[in-house]
Amino acid sequence: MAPVILFPAIDLKEGRCVRLVQGDMAQATVFNDDPAEQAIAFEDMGFSHLHVVDLDGAFAGKPMNSAAVERILAACTMKVQLGGGIRDFTTVAAWLDKGIARVIIGTAAVRDPAFVKEAAKAFPGQIAVGLDARDGLVAVEGWAEVSTVTAEEIAKRFEDAGVSAIIYTNIARDGMLKGIDWDGTLALARAVSIPVIASGGLASIADVERLVQPDAALLEGAIAGRALYDRRLDPHEALALLSRVA
């Protein structure tokens, strides 16, 4: 069984490292003016993977924080997965060529599933789908619009397509420190064969302890954001726990 991965998160807005509350760009708290410095800090804590989102890109539909992402890549050796504004094959190829380990496709997974399948076939193991749900329905365009389909419906479109992971976020919990939506996340993981990553709401070591329970073995891992920045989650304690059950 593959070890469970805890991904620290860097969300980029106007070149800075921020955290949002329920995806609201008006509720952005700046935690570091230098995202590369933050990436180095996470690597020094012992993390091997990093989750990066170009928030401005998610709204604009194209990369908007490329310089910051490139500085992160130059500064650390962690495996970086990147989402936000990646909606065409050229952008996917460009980011992978620059050293991104895995590209996350969100809005285009709803609106252009054929593109996702093409990319997954061309770049095996390097394409993930980001599914962010509000009241059970997937939101797109940086969570500004809500679609009419559920995360499970969309995830099933990509069975056997070569998608390496699904990052599932319950928007109501994102940035709220209320704990991960375990019921929704595990239900999705049981419904599809694609590995699922839990996102949104991770609040404390209790969530990491839940992550290593037998019924959560379906999951590839989880993403930690505000809990790390607010020091509610001790990274060394969390990583030590994960290493003991690996």
Protein backbone atom coordinates (compact mmCIF):
# COMPACT_ATOMS: atom_id res chain seq x y z
CA MET A 1 0.00 0.00 0.00
CA ALA A 2 1.33 3.44 -0.94
CA PRO A 3 2.07 5.79 1.97
CA VAL A 4 -0.54 8.43 2.74
CA ILE A 5 0.51 11.88 1.56
CA LEU A 6 -0.09 15.11 3.45
CA PHE A 7 0.08 18.03 1.01
CA PRO A 8 0.72 21.51 2.44
CA ALA A 9 -1.08 24.12 0.35
CA ILE A 10 0.05 27.37 -1.20
CA ASP A 11 -2.75 29.45 -2.72
CA LEU A 12 -1.54 32.30 -4.91
CA LYS A 13 -3.26 35.66 -5.21
CA GLU A 14 -1.46 38.59 -6.83
CA GLY A 15 1.87 36.83 -6.33
CA ARG A 16 1.41 36.27 -2.60
CA CYS A 17 0.62 33.25 -0.47
CA VAL A 18 -2.93 33.55 0.91
CA ARG A 19 -5.76 31.51 2.42
CA LEU A 20 -9.42 32.07 1.61
CA VAL A 21 -12.61 31.35 3.51
CA GLN A 22 -15.03 29.19 1.50
CA GLY A 23 -13.33 30.28 -1.72
CA ASP A 24 -14.22 33.95 -1.24
CA MET A 25 -11.51 36.13 -2.81
CA ALA A 26 -12.71 39.03 -0.66
CA GLN A 27 -11.78 37.03 2.44
CA ALA A 28 -8.10 36.49 1.65
CA THR A 29 -5.57 36.45 4.47
CA VAL A 30 -1.97 36.98 3.35
CA PHE A 31 0.39 34.58 5.11
CA ASN A 32 3.56 35.18 3.15
CA ASP A 33 4.54 37.76 0.53
CA ASP A 34 7.09 35.28 -0.85
CA PRO A 35 5.56 31.94 -1.93
CA ALA A 36 9.01 30.49 -2.67
CA GLU A 37 10.06 31.22 0.90
CA GLN A 38 6.93 29.45 2.10
CA ALA A 39 7.69 26.44 -0.09
CA ILE A 40 11.19 26.22 1.40
CA ALA A 41 9.68 26.36 4.90
CA PHE A 42 7.35 23.47 4.09
CA GLU A 43 10.20 21.43 2.64
CA ASP A 44 12.30 22.10 5.75
CA MET A 45 9.40 20.76 7.85
CA GLY A 46 9.78 17.44 6.04
CA PHE A 47 7.02 17.57 3.43
CA SER A 48 7.72 15.75 0.15
CA HIS A 49 4.73 17.04 -1.84
CA LEU A 50 3.17 20.48 -2.32
CA HIS A 51 -0.28 21.57 -3.50
CA VAL A 52 -0.35 24.93 -5.32
CA VAL A 53 -3.38 26.79 -6.66
CA ASP A 54 -3.30 29.87 -8.88
CA LEU A 55 -6.44 31.54 -7.53
CA ASP A 56 -6.32 34.45 -9.97
CA GLY A 57 -5.86 31.95 -12.79
CA ALA A 58 -8.94 30.00 -11.71
CA PHE A 59 -11.05 33.12 -12.19
CA ALA A 60 -9.28 34.35 -15.32
CA GLY A 61 -9.23 30.96 -17.05
CA LYS A 62 -5.50 31.19 -17.71
CA PRO A 63 -2.30 31.22 -15.62
CA MET A 64 -1.90 34.48 -13.71
CA ASN A 65 0.78 33.69 -11.13
CA SER A 66 3.29 31.93 -13.35
CA ALA A 67 6.30 33.84 -12.01
CA ALA A 68 5.47 32.84 -8.43
CA VAL A 69 4.99 29.20 -9.42
CA GLU A 70 8.31 29.17 -11.26
CA ARG A 71 10.06 30.61 -8.18
CA ILE A 72 8.55 27.83 -6.09
CA LEU A 73 9.82 25.21 -8.52
CA ALA A 74 13.29 26.74 -8.47
CA ALA A 75 13.37 26.93 -4.68
CA CYS A 76 12.38 23.41 -3.64
CA THR A 77 12.65 19.77 -4.61
CA MET A 78 9.16 18.73 -3.46
CA LYS A 79 6.79 17.19 -6.00
CA VAL A 80 4.45 20.07 -6.88
CA GLN A 81 0.89 19.62 -8.11
CA LEU A 82 -0.67 22.75 -9.61
CA GLY A 83 -4.23 23.85 -10.35
CA GLY A 84 -5.98 27.04 -11.36
CA GLY A 85 -6.68 28.29 -14.88
CA ILE A 86 -5.35 25.22 -16.68
CA ARG A 87 -7.85 24.71 -19.47
CA ASP A 88 -5.98 23.72 -22.63
CA PHE A 89 -3.43 21.17 -23.75
CA THR A 90 -0.70 23.74 -24.39
CA THR A 91 -0.86 25.02 -20.81
CA VAL A 92 -0.74 21.48 -19.43
CA ALA A 93 2.31 20.62 -21.51
CA ALA A 94 4.07 23.87 -20.62
CA TRP A 95 3.69 23.37 -16.87
CA LEU A 96 4.83 19.75 -16.98
CA ASP A 97 7.82 20.81 -19.05
CA LYS A 98 8.72 23.37 -16.38
CA GLY A 99 8.82 20.73 -13.69
CA ILE A 100 5.30 20.51 -12.27
CA ALA A 101 4.79 16.89 -11.20
CA ARG A 102 1.03 16.85 -11.68
CA VAL A 103 -1.46 19.27 -13.21
CA ILE A 104 -4.93 19.65 -11.72
CA ILE A 105 -7.82 20.35 -14.09
CA GLY A 106 -11.03 21.67 -12.55
CA THR A 107 -13.42 23.78 -14.62
CA ALA A 108 -12.41 22.08 -17.88
CA ALA A 109 -13.17 18.69 -16.34
CA VAL A 110 -16.81 19.76 -16.19
CA ARG A 111 -16.97 21.60 -19.49
CA ASP A 112 -14.54 19.69 -21.69
CA PRO A 113 -14.00 16.13 -20.41
CA ALA A 114 -12.54 15.09 -23.77
CA PHE A 115 -9.63 17.47 -23.17
CA VAL A 116 -8.94 15.91 -19.78
CA LYS A 117 -8.95 12.42 -21.29
CA GLU A 118 -6.59 13.56 -24.07
CA ALA A 119 -4.19 15.05 -21.53
CA ALA A 120 -4.34 11.99 -19.27
CA LYS A 121 -3.49 9.76 -22.22
CA ALA A 122 -0.62 11.99 -23.32
CA PHE A 123 0.80 12.46 -19.83
CA PRO A 124 0.20 9.25 -17.82
CA GLY A 125 0.19 9.76 -14.07
CA GLN A 126 0.47 13.53 -14.35
CA ILE A 127 -3.15 14.65 -14.66
CA ALA A 128 -5.51 15.08 -11.71
CA VAL A 129 -9.09 16.33 -11.64
CA GLY A 130 -10.18 18.92 -9.09
CA LEU A 131 -13.81 18.59 -8.01
CA ASP A 132 -15.03 21.29 -5.65
CA ALA A 133 -18.59 20.85 -4.40
CA ARG A 134 -21.07 23.32 -2.95
CA ASP A 135 -24.24 21.70 -1.57
CA GLY A 136 -23.31 18.53 -3.44
CA LEU A 137 -22.89 20.18 -6.86
CA VAL A 138 -19.56 20.93 -8.51
CA ALA A 139 -18.54 24.59 -8.69
CA VAL A 140 -16.44 26.01 -11.54
CA GLU A 141 -14.70 29.25 -12.59
CA GLY A 142 -12.85 29.59 -9.30
CA TRP A 143 -15.96 28.43 -7.42
CA ALA A 144 -17.88 31.47 -8.72
CA GLU A 145 -20.43 29.32 -10.61
CA VAL A 146 -22.19 26.14 -9.55
CA SER A 147 -22.88 23.44 -12.14
CA THR A 148 -25.82 21.03 -12.17
CA VAL A 149 -23.77 17.84 -11.74
CA THR A 150 -22.40 16.06 -8.68
CA ALA A 151 -18.77 15.21 -8.00
CA GLU A 152 -19.52 11.51 -8.33
CA GLU A 153 -21.14 11.98 -11.75
CA ILE A 154 -18.12 13.85 -13.06
CA ALA A 155 -15.59 11.51 -11.44
CA LYS A 156 -17.20 8.52 -13.14
CA ARG A 157 -16.65 10.15 -16.52
CA PHE A 158 -12.93 9.63 -16.02
CA GLU A 159 -12.91 5.99 -14.92
CA ASP A 160 -10.26 4.17 -16.98
CA ALA A 161 -9.14 7.46 -18.58
CA GLY A 162 -5.76 7.46 -16.86
CA VAL A 163 -6.51 10.29 -14.41
CA SER A 164 -4.08 9.84 -11.50
CA ALA A 165 -6.16 11.40 -8.73
CA ILE A 166 -9.27 13.37 -7.84
CA ILE A 167 -8.91 16.26 -5.41
CA TYR A 168 -12.27 16.61 -3.68
CA THR A 169 -13.13 19.79 -1.77
CA ASN A 170 -16.25 20.55 0.22
CA ILE A 171 -16.31 24.33 -0.30
CA ALA A 172 -18.39 24.94 2.83
CA ARG A 173 -15.51 23.62 4.92
CA ASP A 174 -12.62 25.24 3.04
CA GLY A 175 -10.69 27.58 5.32
CA MET A 176 -13.20 27.05 8.14
CA LEU A 177 -11.14 24.63 10.27
CA LYS A 178 -14.23 22.47 10.86
CA GLY A 179 -12.60 19.20 9.88
CA ILE A 180 -12.58 17.34 6.58
CA ASP A 181 -15.88 16.16 5.08
CA TRP A 182 -15.07 12.51 5.70
CA ASP A 183 -18.50 11.20 4.78
CA GLY A 184 -18.55 12.93 1.38
CA THR A 185 -14.90 12.23 0.62
CA LEU A 186 -15.04 8.54 1.48
CA ALA A 187 -18.33 8.10 -0.37
CA LEU A 188 -16.68 9.47 -3.51
CA ALA A 189 -13.61 7.28 -3.00
CA ARG A 190 -15.82 4.19 -2.72
CA ALA A 191 -17.75 5.15 -5.87
CA VAL A 192 -14.74 5.35 -8.20
CA SER A 193 -11.48 3.50 -8.72
CA ILE A 194 -9.46 6.71 -9.05
CA PRO A 195 -7.49 7.65 -5.90
CA VAL A 196 -9.07 10.57 -4.02
CA ILE A 197 -7.33 13.37 -2.10
CA ALA A 198 -9.31 15.03 0.70
CA SER A 199 -9.32 18.83 0.66
CA GLY A 200 -10.98 21.54 2.67
CA GLY A 201 -11.39 21.91 6.41
CA LEU A 202 -8.42 19.97 7.82
CA ALA A 203 -8.28 21.40 11.32
CA SER A 204 -5.98 19.43 13.62
CA ILE A 205 -4.08 16.23 14.27
CA ALA A 206 -7.48 14.56 14.70
CA ASP A 207 -8.00 14.79 10.92
CA VAL A 208 -4.60 13.19 10.31
CA GLU A 209 -5.48 10.43 12.78
CA ARG A 210 -8.72 9.89 10.87
CA LEU A 211 -6.77 9.76 7.62
CA VAL A 212 -4.86 6.67 8.73
CA GLN A 213 -7.90 4.65 9.81
CA PRO A 214 -8.51 1.48 7.75
CA ASP A 215 -11.59 2.80 5.94
CA ALA A 216 -9.57 5.78 4.70
CA ALA A 217 -7.03 3.53 2.99
CA LEU A 218 -8.80 4.31 -0.31
CA LEU A 219 -7.46 7.86 -0.14
CA GLU A 220 -4.14 9.02 -1.56
CA GLY A 221 -3.90 11.71 1.09
CA ALA A 222 -5.16 15.06 2.27
CA ILE A 223 -4.38 18.75 1.84
CA ALA A 224 -3.57 20.99 4.80
CA GLY A 225 -3.85 24.76 4.52
CA ARG A 226 -4.93 27.16 7.23
CA ALA A 227 -4.29 24.66 10.03
CA LEU A 228 -0.59 24.73 9.17
CA TYR A 229 -0.43 28.49 8.78
CA ASP A 230 -2.30 29.06 12.06
CA ARG A 231 -0.08 26.46 13.78
CA ARG A 232 -3.10 24.40 14.80
CA LEU A 233 -1.41 21.42 13.18
CA ASP A 234 2.13 20.49 14.16
CA PRO A 235 3.72 19.32 10.88
CA HIS A 236 6.31 17.17 12.63
CA GLU A 237 3.66 15.39 14.69
CA ALA A 238 1.51 14.85 11.59
CA LEU A 239 4.35 13.52 9.45
CA ALA A 240 5.58 11.29 12.26
CA LEU A 241 2.10 9.78 12.57
CA LEU A 242 1.92 9.13 8.83
CA SER A 243 5.39 7.57 8.78
CA ARG A 244 4.46 5.15 11.58
CA VAL A 245 1.58 3.69 9.57
CA ALA A 246 3.32 3.72 6.19
